Amino acid sequence: MKRRHQTWHLRLWVILSLALPLLLLLTVLGRQERPVEPVADYLTRPAEGAAQ
């Protein structure tokens, strides 16, 4: 019975271990797509960031 209880726990860890690197990869790719702009420039043109 203990095995059955551990399966969902293991599944949770697998999902987390897969999701975290994926999120990291997505953020890195998103940053590489467009060059990092200064914060002031970002605030003056919020529409451009929202469009993309």
C-alpha atoms as a PDB file:
ATOM      1  CA  MET A   1       0.000   0.000   0.000  1.00  0.00           C
ATOM      2  CA  LYS A   2       2.910   2.294   0.682  1.00  0.00           C
ATOM      3  CA  ARG A   3       4.026   2.047  -2.939  1.00  0.00           C
ATOM      4  CA  ARG A   4       0.695   3.417  -4.166  1.00  0.00           C
ATOM      5  CA  HIS A   5       1.009   6.430  -1.898  1.00  0.00           C
ATOM      6  CA  GLN A   6       4.497   7.172  -3.169  1.00  0.00           C
ATOM      7  CA  THR A   7       3.529   7.093  -6.857  1.00  0.00           C
ATOM      8  CA  TRP A   8       1.718  10.452  -6.835  1.00  0.00           C
ATOM      9  CA  HIS A   9       4.544  11.909  -4.754  1.00  0.00           C
ATOM     10  CA  LEU A  10       7.066  10.708  -7.316  1.00  0.00           C
ATOM     11  CA  ARG A  11       4.888  12.046 -10.129  1.00  0.00           C
ATOM     12  CA  LEU A  12       4.822  15.443  -8.443  1.00  0.00           C
ATOM     13  CA  TRP A  13       8.620  15.528  -8.270  1.00  0.00           C
ATOM     14  CA  VAL A  14       8.897  14.474 -11.920  1.00  0.00           C
ATOM     15  CA  ILE A  15       6.506  17.240 -12.984  1.00  0.00           C
ATOM     16  CA  LEU A  16       8.410  19.800 -10.907  1.00  0.00           C
ATOM     17  CA  SER A  17      11.809  18.654 -12.172  1.00  0.00           C
ATOM     18  CA  LEU A  18      10.537  18.957 -15.749  1.00  0.00           C
ATOM     19  CA  ALA A  19       8.565  22.180 -15.337  1.00  0.00           C
ATOM     20  CA  LEU A  20      11.255  24.217 -13.580  1.00  0.00           C
ATOM     21  CA  PRO A  21      13.952  23.802 -16.276  1.00  0.00           C
ATOM     22  CA  LEU A  22      11.301  24.434 -18.939  1.00  0.00           C
ATOM     23  CA  LEU A  23      10.300  27.712 -17.310  1.00  0.00           C
ATOM     24  CA  LEU A  24      13.955  28.695 -17.005  1.00  0.00           C
ATOM     25  CA  LEU A  25      14.558  27.845 -20.662  1.00  0.00           C
ATOM     26  CA  LEU A  26      11.502  29.835 -21.758  1.00  0.00           C
ATOM     27  CA  THR A  27      12.593  32.915 -19.809  1.00  0.00           C
ATOM     28  CA  VAL A  28      16.130  32.696 -21.204  1.00  0.00           C
ATOM     29  CA  LEU A  29      14.824  32.293 -24.759  1.00  0.00           C
ATOM     30  CA  GLY A  30      12.420  35.190 -24.240  1.00  0.00           C
ATOM     31  CA  ARG A  31      15.266  37.420 -23.126  1.00  0.00           C
ATOM     32  CA  GLN A  32      17.460  36.392 -26.048  1.00  0.00           C
ATOM     33  CA  GLU A  33      14.694  37.183 -28.554  1.00  0.00           C
ATOM     34  CA  ARG A  34      14.886  40.908 -27.906  1.00  0.00           C
ATOM     35  CA  PRO A  35      17.805  42.854 -26.415  1.00  0.00           C
ATOM     36  CA  VAL A  36      17.489  43.956 -22.805  1.00  0.00           C
ATOM     37  CA  GLU A  37      16.281  47.562 -22.723  1.00  0.00           C
ATOM     38  CA  PRO A  38      16.665  50.045 -19.879  1.00  0.00           C
ATOM     39  CA  VAL A  39      13.775  50.192 -17.405  1.00  0.00           C
ATOM     40  CA  ALA A  40      12.957  53.821 -18.288  1.00  0.00           C
ATOM     41  CA  ASP A  41      12.674  52.879 -21.967  1.00  0.00           C
ATOM     42  CA  TYR A  42      10.441  49.966 -21.019  1.00  0.00           C
ATOM     43  CA  LEU A  43       8.088  52.166 -19.008  1.00  0.00           C
ATOM     44  CA  THR A  44       7.750  54.769 -21.771  1.00  0.00           C
ATOM     45  CA  ARG A  45       6.725  52.099 -24.320  1.00  0.00           C
ATOM     46  CA  PRO A  46       4.573  49.476 -22.556  1.00  0.00           C
ATOM     47  CA  ALA A  47       2.399  48.873 -25.625  1.00  0.00           C
ATOM     48  CA  GLU A  48       5.284  47.369 -27.589  1.00  0.00           C
ATOM     49  CA  GLY A  49       6.056  44.859 -24.861  1.00  0.00           C
ATOM     50  CA  ALA A  50       2.383  43.912 -24.550  1.00  0.00           C
ATOM     51  CA  ALA A  51       2.020  43.449 -28.318  1.00  0.00           C
ATOM     52  CA  GLN A  52       4.843  40.918 -28.402  1.00  0.00           C
END
